[in-house]
Protein backbone atom coordinates (compact mmCIF):
# COMPACT_ATOMS: atom_id res chain seq x y z
CA MET A 1 81.92 151.45 87.60
CA LYS A 2 80.21 154.39 85.92
CA LEU A 3 77.33 152.15 84.69
CA SER A 4 76.96 150.68 88.18
CA SER A 5 76.78 154.16 89.70
CA ILE A 6 74.06 155.16 87.27
CA VAL A 7 72.02 152.07 88.15
CA TRP A 8 72.29 152.73 91.85
CA THR A 9 71.34 156.34 91.32
CA LEU A 10 68.18 155.29 89.48
CA LEU A 11 67.24 152.99 92.35
CA ILE A 12 67.64 155.56 95.11
CA THR A 13 63.90 156.36 95.06
CA VAL A 14 61.61 153.33 95.00
CA CYS A 15 57.86 153.47 95.66
CA ILE A 16 56.45 150.11 96.68
CA ASN A 17 52.73 149.59 97.34
CA MET A 18 51.23 146.94 99.60
CA GLN A 19 51.10 144.21 97.01
CA GLY A 20 54.80 144.64 96.29
CA ALA A 21 55.81 144.58 99.94
CA SER A 22 57.50 141.16 99.91
CA ASP A 23 61.15 141.21 98.73
CA ALA A 24 64.54 140.03 99.92
CA TYR A 25 64.19 142.34 102.91
CA SER A 26 61.31 142.72 105.35
CA GLN A 27 60.33 146.26 104.52
CA ALA A 28 56.53 146.23 104.59
CA LEU A 29 53.31 147.78 105.79
CA LYS A 30 50.87 145.22 107.15
CA SER A 31 48.05 144.60 109.59
CA THR A 32 47.85 141.25 111.32
CA SER A 33 44.68 142.03 113.30
CA ALA A 34 42.41 142.93 110.39
CA SER A 35 39.21 140.96 109.94
CA PHE A 36 39.54 140.96 106.16
CA ASN A 37 41.58 142.63 103.45
CA GLU A 38 41.32 143.16 99.71
CA ALA A 39 43.05 145.26 97.06
CA THR A 40 41.93 148.63 95.73
CA ASN A 41 40.77 149.10 92.16
CA TYR A 42 41.61 152.72 91.43
CA PRO A 43 39.99 154.08 88.23
CA THR A 44 42.92 156.42 87.46
CA PHE A 45 45.69 156.13 90.04
CA SER A 46 48.42 153.69 89.11
CA GLY A 47 49.02 150.80 91.46
CA LYS A 48 47.06 148.94 94.10
CA ASP A 49 46.92 149.21 97.84
CA ASN A 50 45.45 146.98 100.54
CA ILE A 51 42.17 147.80 102.23
CA TYR A 52 42.04 146.48 105.79
CA TYR A 53 38.67 145.95 107.47
CA PHE A 54 38.24 145.84 111.25
CA CYS A 55 34.92 144.53 112.62
CA GLY A 56 33.43 146.20 115.67
CA SER A 57 30.55 148.30 116.93
CA ALA A 58 29.39 151.61 115.51
CA ASN A 59 31.88 154.48 115.75
CA HIS A 60 34.73 152.22 116.85
CA GLN A 61 38.33 152.92 115.83
CA ASP A 62 40.29 149.69 115.94
CA GLY A 63 42.43 150.01 112.83
CA THR A 64 46.07 149.00 113.20
CA LEU A 65 49.05 149.22 110.83
CA LYS A 66 52.64 148.14 111.31
CA ALA A 67 55.54 149.35 109.19
CA SER A 68 58.79 147.39 109.33
CA SER A 69 62.35 148.00 108.14
CA SER A 70 64.96 145.42 107.25
CA GLY A 71 66.13 145.50 110.84
CA GLN A 72 67.87 148.84 110.71
CA SER A 73 66.65 151.69 112.86
CA VAL A 74 64.93 154.18 110.59
CA THR A 75 62.63 157.14 110.87
CA PHE A 76 59.08 156.30 109.82
CA LYS A 77 57.15 159.28 108.50
CA TRP A 78 53.38 158.75 108.56
CA ASP A 79 50.90 160.77 106.49
CA LYS A 80 47.14 160.55 106.18
CA TYR A 81 45.09 161.22 103.07
CA THR A 82 42.48 163.90 103.67
CA GLN A 83 39.35 164.82 101.84
CA PRO A 84 38.15 167.03 100.28
CA SER A 85 41.67 168.37 99.75
CA GLY A 86 42.74 165.14 98.10
CA ALA A 87 46.25 165.30 99.56
CA PHE A 88 48.34 163.60 102.22
CA THR A 89 49.09 165.58 105.38
CA PHE A 90 51.59 164.84 108.10
CA TYR A 91 50.43 162.42 110.83
CA LEU A 92 53.53 161.56 112.94
CA ASN A 93 57.18 160.48 112.95
CA GLU A 94 58.58 157.49 114.83
CA THR A 95 62.11 156.00 114.93
CA GLY A 96 62.93 152.31 115.31
CA ILE A 97 62.99 149.06 113.36
CA SER A 98 59.18 149.11 113.24
CA SER A 99 56.35 151.51 113.84
CA THR A 100 52.81 150.50 114.84
CA LEU A 101 49.76 152.73 114.75
CA ASN A 102 46.69 151.75 116.74
CA ASN A 103 43.12 153.01 117.07
CA LEU A 104 43.14 154.34 113.54
CA SER A 105 40.08 155.97 112.04
CA ASP A 106 38.91 155.34 108.48
CA GLY A 107 41.15 156.58 105.70
CA CYS A 108 44.34 156.04 103.74
CA TYR A 109 47.67 156.03 105.59
CA ARG A 110 51.08 156.39 103.99
CA VAL A 111 54.42 155.59 105.57
CA SER A 112 57.81 156.47 104.09
CA PHE A 113 61.33 155.70 105.31
CA THR A 114 64.85 155.28 104.05
CA ASP A 115 66.47 151.91 104.67
CA ASN A 116 70.06 151.18 103.56
CA GLY A 117 69.95 154.20 101.28
CA ILE A 118 66.71 153.20 99.56
CA ASN A 119 63.48 155.19 99.93
CA TYR A 120 60.35 153.12 100.61
CA VAL A 121 56.75 154.27 100.41
CA PHE A 122 53.76 152.13 101.44
CA ARG A 123 50.06 152.91 101.61
CA ALA A 124 46.98 151.18 103.07
CA TRP A 125 43.32 151.99 103.61
CA ILE A 126 41.57 151.47 106.93
CA ILE A 127 37.82 150.78 107.21
CA ASN A 128 36.33 150.31 110.67
CA SER A 129 33.42 148.00 109.85
CA TRP A 130 30.20 147.68 111.79
CA ILE A 131 26.63 146.48 111.30
CA THR A 132 23.43 147.12 113.23
CA ALA A 133 20.15 145.28 112.75
CA THR A 134 16.67 145.68 114.20
CA THR A 135 14.00 142.99 114.03
CA THR A 136 10.25 143.01 114.61
CA ILE A 137 7.18 140.84 113.98
CA THR A 138 4.51 142.30 111.71
CA ASN A 139 1.31 141.18 109.97
CA SER A 140 0.69 138.38 112.46
CA ASN A 141 -2.48 136.40 111.75
CA CYS A 142 -3.75 132.81 111.91
CA GLN A 143 -1.99 131.71 108.72
CA SER A 144 1.30 133.60 108.77
CA PHE A 145 3.43 136.43 110.09
CA LYS A 146 6.26 138.52 108.72
CA LEU A 147 9.76 138.75 110.08
CA SER A 148 10.65 142.39 109.46
CA ALA A 149 14.18 143.73 109.74
CA THR A 150 16.45 146.61 108.82
CA ALA A 151 20.22 146.40 108.57
CA THR A 152 22.68 149.26 108.25
CA GLY A 153 26.42 149.55 108.60
CA SER A 154 29.53 151.58 108.00
CA SER A 155 30.13 153.24 104.65
CA TYR A 156 32.57 151.19 102.63
CA ALA A 157 34.50 153.59 100.39
CA TYR A 158 37.94 154.79 99.39
CA ALA A 159 39.19 157.45 96.98
CA ASP A 160 41.22 157.52 93.79
CA LEU A 161 44.52 159.11 94.86
CA SER A 162 44.85 160.93 91.53
CA THR A 163 41.37 162.37 91.08
CA ASN A 164 39.98 162.19 94.64
CA GLN A 165 37.01 160.32 93.16
CA VAL A 166 35.13 158.35 95.82
CA ILE A 167 34.76 154.64 95.04
CA SER A 168 31.92 153.00 96.96
CA ILE A 169 32.19 149.34 97.95
CA ASP A 170 29.11 147.16 98.13
CA PRO A 171 28.92 145.82 101.73
CA ASN A 172 27.33 142.70 100.24
CA TYR A 173 25.08 141.98 103.20
CA LYS A 174 23.89 138.41 103.61
CA TYR A 175 20.94 137.46 105.78
CA VAL A 176 20.15 134.24 107.62
CA TRP A 177 17.00 133.79 109.70
CA GLN A 178 16.86 130.77 111.96
CA THR A 179 15.09 129.48 115.03
CA GLY A 180 16.49 126.91 117.41
CA GLY A 181 19.27 126.15 114.96
CA THR A 182 16.80 125.52 112.12
CA PHE A 183 17.16 127.57 108.96
CA VAL A 184 14.16 129.75 108.08
CA SER A 185 15.08 132.12 105.24
CA ASN A 186 17.78 134.13 103.49
CA ALA A 187 15.41 137.02 102.82
CA LEU A 188 15.58 140.17 104.90
CA ASN A 189 11.81 140.30 105.44
CA PRO A 190 10.44 136.79 104.94
CA LEU A 191 6.84 135.67 105.33
CA VAL A 192 6.52 132.70 107.69
CA LEU A 193 3.63 130.35 106.93
CA GLY A 194 2.15 128.08 109.57
CA PRO A 195 2.99 129.99 112.75
CA PRO A 196 4.14 127.90 115.73
CA PRO A 197 1.73 127.41 118.66
CA ILE A 198 4.32 128.53 121.22
CA ASN A 199 6.27 131.74 121.72
CA THR A 200 9.36 131.33 119.57
CA ILE A 201 12.62 133.24 119.26
CA TYR A 202 13.74 133.98 115.70
CA GLN A 203 17.24 135.27 115.15
CA LEU A 204 18.58 137.25 112.21
CA GLN A 205 22.28 137.05 111.44
CA VAL A 206 23.67 139.70 109.11
CA THR A 207 27.16 139.39 107.63
CA ASP A 208 29.03 141.68 105.22
CA ARG A 209 31.86 141.32 102.72
CA ALA A 210 34.42 141.61 105.51
CA GLY A 211 32.89 138.79 107.54
CA CYS A 212 31.58 141.20 110.16
CA LEU A 213 28.36 139.95 111.69
CA VAL A 214 25.58 140.93 114.02
CA ASN A 215 22.76 138.89 115.54
CA SER A 216 19.36 140.35 116.27
CA PRO A 217 16.69 138.20 117.97
CA VAL A 218 12.95 138.78 118.05
CA THR A 219 10.26 136.79 119.86
CA TYR A 220 7.10 135.70 118.06
CA GLN A 221 4.20 135.84 120.49
CA SER A 222 2.00 132.95 119.38
CA ILE A 223 -1.65 133.58 118.63
CA VAL A 224 -2.38 130.15 117.15
CA PRO A 225 -3.32 126.88 118.90
CA LYS A 226 -2.32 123.32 118.08
CA ALA A 227 -5.08 120.75 118.51
CA LYS A 228 -3.93 117.39 119.83
CA PHE A 229 -5.53 114.61 121.84
CA SER A 230 -5.41 110.93 122.71
CA TRP A 231 -7.84 108.56 124.37
CA LYS A 232 -7.82 105.72 126.88
CA THR A 233 -10.29 103.33 128.49
CA ASN A 234 -10.45 101.61 131.83
CA GLN A 235 -11.92 98.49 130.20
CA PRO A 236 -9.59 95.58 131.02
CA ALA A 237 -7.73 94.19 128.04
CA VAL A 238 -8.41 90.59 127.00
CA ALA A 239 -5.44 88.74 125.58
CA GLN A 240 -7.45 86.89 122.92
CA TYR A 241 -8.86 90.07 121.41
CA SER A 242 -7.10 93.08 119.91
CA LEU A 243 -10.15 95.34 119.97
CA PRO A 244 -12.20 96.61 122.91
CA GLU A 245 -15.87 95.70 123.19
CA ALA A 246 -19.06 97.67 123.70
CA PRO A 247 -20.07 99.37 125.85
CA LEU A 248 -16.74 101.16 125.82
CA PRO A 249 -16.08 104.01 128.28
CA VAL A 250 -13.54 106.42 126.79
CA GLN A 251 -11.63 109.24 128.42
CA PHE A 252 -10.40 111.82 125.91
CA ILE A 253 -7.12 113.44 126.92
CA ASN A 254 -6.67 116.95 125.62
CA GLU A 255 -2.99 117.57 124.73
CA SER A 256 -3.55 120.76 122.80
CA ILE A 257 -1.09 123.65 122.93
CA ASN A 258 -2.02 127.31 123.38
CA GLY A 259 -5.78 126.77 123.17
CA ASP A 260 -8.25 128.71 125.32
CA VAL A 261 -9.66 126.34 127.96
CA GLU A 262 -13.26 127.39 127.44
CA LYS A 263 -13.17 127.13 123.64
CA PHE A 264 -12.55 123.45 122.92
CA GLU A 265 -15.06 121.70 120.65
CA TRP A 266 -15.29 117.92 120.35
CA PHE A 267 -17.16 116.25 117.51
CA LEU A 268 -17.97 112.54 117.83
CA PHE A 269 -19.03 111.13 114.48
CA LYS A 270 -21.53 108.39 113.83
CA GLU A 271 -20.49 104.84 113.02
CA LYS A 272 -18.58 104.68 109.74
CA SER A 273 -20.70 102.12 107.91
CA SER A 274 -23.94 103.88 108.79
CA LEU A 275 -22.68 106.98 106.98
CA ALA A 276 -21.48 105.04 103.94
CA ASN A 277 -24.82 103.28 103.45
CA GLN A 278 -26.88 106.43 103.01
CA PRO A 279 -28.94 106.79 99.82
CA LYS A 280 -27.20 108.67 97.04
CA GLY A 281 -27.83 112.40 97.33
CA ALA A 282 -29.26 112.11 100.83
CA LYS A 283 -28.36 114.78 103.33
CA ILE A 284 -26.11 113.17 105.92
CA ASP A 285 -25.90 114.35 109.50
CA SER A 286 -22.61 112.78 110.53
CA ILE A 287 -22.36 114.23 114.04
CA MET A 288 -23.34 111.91 116.87
CA GLU A 289 -22.33 114.17 119.76
CA GLU A 290 -20.86 117.64 120.29
CA ILE A 291 -19.06 118.25 123.57
CA TYR A 292 -17.66 121.55 124.88
CA LEU A 293 -15.31 120.43 127.64
CA LYS A 294 -11.55 120.29 127.92
CA ASP A 295 -11.24 116.57 128.74
CA PRO A 296 -14.61 114.87 128.15
CA SER A 297 -15.63 111.28 128.83
CA TYR A 298 -17.98 109.32 126.61
CA THR A 299 -19.35 105.77 126.52
CA TYR A 300 -19.77 104.11 123.14
CA GLU A 301 -22.79 101.83 123.48
CA HIS A 302 -22.54 100.11 120.12
CA THR A 303 -19.91 98.36 118.04
CA GLY A 304 -18.41 99.95 114.96
CA SER A 305 -15.74 102.34 113.73
CA TYR A 306 -15.89 105.90 115.01
CA MET A 307 -14.06 109.10 114.13
CA VAL A 308 -13.39 111.96 116.55
CA LYS A 309 -12.46 115.57 115.83
CA LEU A 310 -11.12 118.21 118.21
CA VAL A 311 -11.15 121.92 117.43
CA ALA A 312 -8.90 124.14 119.55
CA ALA A 313 -9.28 127.93 119.49
CA LYS A 314 -7.18 130.90 120.58
CA GLN A 315 -8.86 134.29 120.77
CA SER A 316 -6.92 137.47 120.09
CA PRO A 317 -8.14 141.04 119.61
CA GLY A 318 -9.99 141.17 116.33
CA PHE A 319 -9.97 137.47 115.42
CA THR A 320 -9.87 133.89 116.67
CA CYS A 321 -7.45 131.26 115.36
CA ARG A 322 -8.49 127.60 115.23
CA ASP A 323 -6.79 124.29 114.64
CA THR A 324 -8.35 120.88 114.03
CA MET A 325 -7.20 117.35 114.73
CA TYR A 326 -8.85 114.10 113.65
CA LEU A 327 -7.97 110.70 115.01
CA LYS A 328 -5.25 109.14 112.88
CA ASP A 329 -7.17 105.84 112.87
CA TYR A 330 -10.77 105.04 113.62
CA LEU A 331 -11.73 104.11 117.14
CA VAL A 332 -12.89 100.52 116.47
CA ILE A 333 -15.15 98.53 118.81
CA ASP A 334 -15.40 94.78 118.37
CA SER A 335 -18.45 93.08 116.91
CA SER A 336 -20.65 90.84 119.06
CA LEU A 337 -19.75 87.25 119.92
CA VAL A 338 -20.94 84.32 122.02
CA LYS A 339 -18.74 81.26 122.46
CA VAL A 340 -19.01 78.39 124.97
CA ALA A 341 -16.16 76.05 125.93
CA PRO A 342 -16.77 72.34 125.06
CA ALA A 343 -15.67 70.94 128.44
CA PHE A 344 -14.46 71.75 131.94
CA THR A 345 -13.09 69.94 135.00
CA PRO A 346 -14.48 71.31 138.31
CA ASN A 347 -12.11 69.23 140.46
CA GLY A 348 -10.61 72.15 142.34
CA ASP A 349 -7.13 71.89 140.84
CA GLY A 350 -7.29 75.49 139.64
CA VAL A 351 -7.21 74.50 135.98
CA ASN A 352 -10.37 74.74 133.86
CA ASP A 353 -12.53 74.54 136.99
CA ILE A 354 -15.45 76.53 135.56
CA LEU A 355 -17.40 76.47 132.34
CA THR A 356 -16.50 79.70 130.58
CA ILE A 357 -18.63 81.60 128.15
CA ARG A 358 -16.89 84.18 126.04
CA THR A 359 -18.90 87.16 124.99
CA ARG A 360 -18.16 90.38 123.14
CA SER A 361 -20.24 93.53 122.78
CA LEU A 362 -23.55 92.08 123.98
CA GLN A 363 -26.68 94.04 124.81
CA SER A 364 -28.34 91.07 126.57
CA LEU A 365 -27.67 87.40 127.27
CA ASP A 366 -29.78 84.38 128.21
CA PHE A 367 -27.57 81.38 129.01
CA GLN A 368 -29.07 78.04 130.08
CA ILE A 369 -27.55 74.61 130.80
CA PHE A 370 -29.68 71.43 130.89
CA ASN A 371 -28.95 67.95 132.15
CA ARG A 372 -29.79 64.83 130.19
CA TRP A 373 -33.35 64.87 131.51
CA GLY A 374 -33.97 68.47 130.39
CA ARG A 375 -33.72 70.00 133.83
CA ILE A 376 -32.11 73.47 133.99
CA VAL A 377 -28.97 73.23 136.12
CA HIS A 378 -27.63 76.73 135.42
CA HIS A 379 -29.35 79.88 134.20
CA PHE A 380 -28.02 83.41 133.68
CA ARG A 381 -30.10 86.21 132.20
CA LYS A 382 -29.12 89.85 131.91
CA SER A 383 -30.38 92.82 129.91
CA GLY A 384 -28.03 95.76 129.66
CA TYR A 385 -25.12 93.31 129.58
CA VAL A 386 -21.63 94.69 130.15
CA PRO A 387 -18.20 93.00 129.87
CA ALA A 388 -17.90 92.45 133.61
CA ASP A 389 -21.03 90.26 133.55
CA THR A 390 -19.12 87.46 131.81
CA GLU A 391 -17.74 86.15 135.10
CA PHE A 392 -21.27 85.88 136.49
CA ALA A 393 -22.50 83.98 133.45
CA THR A 394 -20.02 81.10 133.97
CA TRP A 395 -21.02 77.76 135.64
CA ASP A 396 -18.97 76.27 138.47
CA GLY A 397 -20.40 72.75 137.90
CA LYS A 398 -22.57 72.80 141.01
CA ILE A 399 -26.29 72.34 141.49
CA ASN A 400 -27.58 73.80 144.72
CA ASN A 401 -23.94 74.02 145.91
CA VAL A 402 -23.39 70.32 145.25
CA LEU A 403 -21.02 69.18 142.51
CA ALA A 404 -22.98 67.86 139.57
CA SER A 405 -22.46 64.39 138.14
CA PRO A 406 -19.90 64.07 135.36
CA GLY A 407 -21.29 63.65 131.90
CA VAL A 408 -22.70 65.51 128.94
CA TYR A 409 -24.89 68.59 129.33
CA PHE A 410 -26.76 70.70 126.83
CA TYR A 411 -26.59 74.50 126.62
CA VAL A 412 -28.47 77.28 124.89
CA ALA A 413 -26.93 80.78 124.70
CA ASP A 414 -29.06 83.54 123.25
CA GLY A 415 -27.42 86.95 123.01
CA GLN A 416 -28.37 90.26 121.46
CA GLY A 417 -25.30 92.04 120.12
CA ARG A 418 -24.66 95.76 120.33
CA ASP A 419 -24.12 95.62 116.60
CA GLY A 420 -27.79 94.75 116.14
CA LYS A 421 -27.14 91.07 115.48
CA ARG A 422 -28.61 88.13 117.39
CA ARG A 423 -26.01 85.69 118.61
CA ARG A 424 -27.65 82.30 119.34
CA LYS A 425 -25.56 79.23 120.18
CA LYS A 426 -26.51 75.74 121.36
CA GLY A 427 -24.61 72.53 121.79
CA PHE A 428 -23.15 69.98 124.21
CA ILE A 429 -20.58 70.41 126.93
CA GLU A 430 -18.85 67.75 129.01
CA LEU A 431 -18.32 67.93 132.75
CA ILE A 432 -15.24 65.87 133.66
CA TRP A 433 -13.97 65.05 137.14
């Protein structure tokens, strides 16, 4: 009995810090609303305490602590550590099975109470965390711009309870720039290459060691254009041929972004093979046409492969930004062709009723049909030939509006191609009833 009394006497005063708060009873000091917590690392003071972080705006006081007994009603005595005195001073007393403090400012809080004859002491640090960030756009030019930012926050610190030495905690800021959900950089002040041609919102997210975060957006006001175009023609497509023929009317469709309307420059280059066949060392003038309109039209008179370039410009105070687009593939115009069908049946059944002549990219055409006695029964001649003339060059099998006799006829087709080649064909055709 004497030994037991001595043991109980030695255990009358027990000091338990936050990390030793879990035992057979529920005596503890905790915070369930903290954003993050970690243990102290005192240089001199023996023991460890919890540091509770509470995220919020600048100057907020949202710290909370709850002290609990084993279920017995006790008197909780709260003290707060003060600097520069380096000592705990009375804060308040509260009786019950638990005691909760709200709206606590930064600092170390100590609670002591006696439960079932045992003295308990708990401590915890409160840090009301906050971050602010400002963002701007600087050094904006045609090639790049800089996302500039500053980030500040609450001072993360606690003190050694033996020496009153202040221990600073690195807030460990992390930065993430993104736009439209796309990652840009982890640097605080990154350089962005290749500025977008539209006004774009960039957002900086700053987080600290406690998981506190702040978002700060900034809008990049675009000063660069994006050149883009397509082309189309009203020339009817022909199922047998994949390429259009000359002359080819082309409408260029300007799809550029952020370009000044009066500053578009179109460059139509000469035919590809004509540039490749220049003498070695010769000075080559590759430009066929220069056009200064937003959506120009142009007619290609000759066959070949052509390249097109569009330059879009955006003028700002002090400089002008430009962007260039070339056609992905050459604009190709079919070579010349003359081809006459071997037979036709002008019987009015709607099938093969006329003698067709197929032509491609012709400059002129002379098409004659002769009967067996050498008499011309059909003649078509046209200089400045265009695709629509093909329907006029065909023969309906009539002579002076009277259906010709069935049999074999002779034709001569003499065409001058828009590729500079003469296309001459002759042969026999058969008229069948």
